[in-house]
């Protein structure tokens, strides 16, 4: 083995380690004396900056839109009144759904119970229901007076 043979092997190993073989041409950016790379650079510099400016403007516009969206989201989170209103609407829907479901279940259970109820009790309940329908106003006033009296007594005891 000669020194020149050893030197060519180490050069081949170095070239293989760099990612290209000794028979392949060096990458374009590695060629220092390449006239084509110098010829394309001035044309890139003429068209490059306007594209960069346009890209910057587009990025600024996207950032402004994202910032606007973020501000709106934060404003919505801090609007306690609107959030409470939305929650109240949601709860109202849930309660109405549950009430209609309970009413349907009560009707399903109530029919057999009503049929099993003795006739005199049915007549008394029907008479009481018709009386209530006829005198809703006075009954509402009486119920309101009872609630107001209860609240007044409760307030007076706490004092």
Protein backbone atom coordinates (compact mmCIF):
# COMPACT_ATOMS: atom_id res chain seq x y z
CA UNK A 1 0.00 0.00 0.00
CA UNK A 2 1.34 3.40 -1.00
CA UNK A 3 0.76 6.79 0.51
CA UNK A 4 -1.01 8.07 -2.58
CA UNK A 5 -3.42 5.11 -2.39
CA UNK A 6 -4.08 5.87 1.30
CA UNK A 7 -4.64 9.53 0.47
CA UNK A 8 -7.21 8.72 -2.26
CA UNK A 9 -9.07 6.39 0.12
CA UNK A 10 -9.35 9.05 2.82
CA UNK A 11 -10.56 11.55 0.20
CA UNK A 12 -13.21 9.05 -0.89
CA UNK A 13 -14.27 8.47 2.71
CA UNK A 14 -14.49 12.22 3.31
CA UNK A 15 -16.58 12.65 0.18
CA UNK A 16 -18.89 9.78 1.18
CA UNK A 17 -19.30 11.28 4.63
CA UNK A 18 -20.30 14.60 3.07
CA UNK A 19 -23.17 12.95 1.22
CA UNK A 20 -21.82 12.71 -2.33
CA UNK A 21 -19.47 10.39 -4.11
CA UNK A 22 -16.13 11.45 -5.59
CA UNK A 23 -17.50 10.93 -9.12
CA UNK A 24 -20.57 13.20 -8.60
CA UNK A 25 -20.22 16.94 -9.12
CA UNK A 26 -20.09 19.19 -6.05
CA UNK A 27 -23.30 21.02 -5.04
CA UNK A 28 -23.97 24.34 -6.75
CA UNK A 29 -23.54 26.40 -3.63
CA UNK A 30 -20.18 24.75 -2.97
CA UNK A 31 -18.75 25.89 -6.32
CA UNK A 32 -17.10 29.20 -5.55
CA UNK A 33 -16.18 30.07 -9.10
CA UNK A 34 -19.55 29.22 -10.68
CA UNK A 35 -20.62 32.07 -12.97
CA UNK A 36 -24.26 30.92 -13.19
CA UNK A 37 -24.95 31.45 -9.49
CA UNK A 38 -23.66 35.01 -9.71
CA UNK A 39 -25.79 35.65 -12.78
CA UNK A 40 -29.04 34.57 -11.10
CA UNK A 41 -28.55 36.46 -7.87
CA UNK A 42 -29.04 39.99 -9.24
CA UNK A 43 -32.33 39.00 -10.88
CA UNK A 44 -33.48 37.40 -7.60
CA UNK A 45 -32.65 40.56 -5.70
CA UNK A 46 -34.80 42.59 -8.07
CA UNK A 47 -37.84 40.32 -7.74
CA UNK A 48 -37.12 39.13 -4.16
CA UNK A 49 -37.77 42.19 -2.03
CA UNK A 50 -41.19 43.07 -3.50
CA UNK A 51 -42.34 39.51 -2.82
CA UNK A 52 -40.98 39.78 0.71
CA UNK A 53 -42.79 43.09 1.22
CA UNK A 54 -46.02 41.61 -0.15
CA UNK A 55 -45.62 38.57 2.09
CA UNK A 56 -45.00 40.81 5.08
CA UNK A 57 -48.13 42.82 4.29
CA UNK A 58 -50.17 39.63 4.00
CA UNK A 59 -48.74 38.34 7.27
CA UNK A 60 -49.55 41.66 8.96
CA UNK A 61 -53.12 41.45 7.63
CA UNK A 62 -53.49 37.86 8.89
CA UNK A 63 -52.10 38.89 12.27
CA UNK A 64 -54.57 41.79 12.46
CA UNK A 65 -57.48 39.46 11.68
CA UNK A 66 -56.31 36.95 14.30
CA UNK A 67 -55.90 39.73 16.83
CA UNK A 68 -59.38 41.03 16.07
CA UNK A 69 -60.83 37.54 16.54
CA UNK A 70 -58.95 37.15 19.81
CA UNK A 71 -60.21 40.51 21.09
CA UNK A 72 -63.79 39.53 20.20
CA UNK A 73 -63.41 36.21 22.01
CA UNK A 74 -62.00 37.93 25.09
CA UNK A 75 -64.78 40.52 25.03
CA UNK A 76 -67.36 37.74 24.81
CA UNK A 77 -65.77 35.99 27.80
CA UNK A 78 -65.84 39.15 29.90
CA UNK A 79 -69.45 39.98 28.96
CA UNK A 80 -70.99 38.41 32.04
CA UNK A 81 -74.49 39.63 31.21
CA UNK A 82 -74.51 37.97 27.79
CA UNK A 83 -73.06 34.76 29.20
CA UNK A 84 -75.69 34.72 31.95
CA UNK A 85 -78.42 35.36 29.37
CA UNK A 86 -77.15 32.50 27.21
CA UNK A 87 -77.02 30.21 30.24
CA UNK A 88 -80.58 31.20 31.22
CA UNK A 89 -81.85 30.42 27.72
CA UNK A 90 -80.10 27.06 27.81
CA UNK A 91 -81.54 26.24 31.24
CA UNK A 92 -85.03 27.31 30.11
CA UNK A 93 -84.83 24.91 27.18
CA UNK A 94 -83.73 22.09 29.49
CA UNK A 95 -86.50 22.81 32.02
CA UNK A 96 -89.16 22.96 29.29
CA UNK A 97 -87.94 19.69 27.87
CA UNK A 98 -87.99 18.02 31.27
CA UNK A 99 -91.42 19.49 32.07
CA UNK A 100 -92.95 18.21 28.85
CA UNK A 101 -91.37 14.81 29.46
CA UNK A 102 -92.70 14.73 33.04
CA UNK A 103 -96.13 15.81 31.85
CA UNK A 104 -96.21 12.98 29.32
CA UNK A 105 -95.13 10.50 31.99
CA UNK A 106 -97.72 11.82 34.44
CA UNK A 107 -100.42 11.49 31.82
CA UNK A 108 -99.34 7.92 31.19
CA UNK A 109 -99.40 7.11 34.93
CA UNK A 110 -102.39 9.31 35.76
CA UNK A 111 -104.87 7.62 33.43
CA UNK A 112 -104.83 4.26 35.26
CA UNK A 113 -104.89 6.04 38.65
CA UNK A 114 -107.85 8.19 37.61
CA UNK A 115 -109.73 5.10 36.45
CA UNK A 116 -109.02 3.35 39.76
CA UNK A 117 -110.23 6.34 41.81
CA UNK A 118 -113.72 5.96 43.31
CA UNK A 119 -116.50 7.98 41.65
CA UNK A 120 -117.24 10.36 44.59
CA UNK A 121 -113.54 11.37 44.74
CA UNK A 122 -113.49 11.98 40.97
CA UNK A 123 -116.54 14.24 41.26
CA UNK A 124 -115.01 16.25 44.11
CA UNK A 125 -111.73 16.72 42.21
CA UNK A 126 -113.56 17.76 39.04
CA UNK A 127 -115.70 20.26 41.02
CA UNK A 128 -112.60 21.74 42.72
CA UNK A 129 -110.76 22.07 39.39
CA UNK A 130 -113.71 23.86 37.77
CA UNK A 131 -113.97 26.22 40.76
CA UNK A 132 -110.28 27.05 40.50
CA UNK A 133 -110.60 27.76 36.75
CA UNK A 134 -113.54 30.11 37.37
CA UNK A 135 -111.85 32.03 40.20
CA UNK A 136 -108.22 32.25 39.11
CA UNK A 137 -107.88 35.96 39.88
CA UNK A 138 -109.00 35.90 43.51
CA UNK A 139 -107.02 32.73 44.16
CA UNK A 140 -103.88 34.31 42.73
CA UNK A 141 -104.37 37.35 44.98
CA UNK A 142 -104.86 35.12 48.01
CA UNK A 143 -101.75 33.09 47.20
CA UNK A 144 -99.73 36.30 46.75
CA UNK A 145 -100.97 37.61 50.11
CA UNK A 146 -99.94 34.39 51.83
CA UNK A 147 -96.44 34.52 50.31
CA UNK A 148 -96.05 38.22 51.19
CA UNK A 149 -97.19 37.56 54.76
CA UNK A 150 -94.73 34.69 55.13
CA UNK A 151 -91.86 36.83 53.84
CA UNK A 152 -92.84 39.70 56.16
CA UNK A 153 -92.89 37.43 59.23
CA UNK A 154 -89.57 35.94 58.24
CA UNK A 155 -88.03 39.39 57.79
CA UNK A 156 -89.44 40.60 61.12
CA UNK A 157 -87.98 37.59 63.00
CA UNK A 158 -84.50 38.14 61.57
CA UNK A 159 -84.54 41.77 62.63
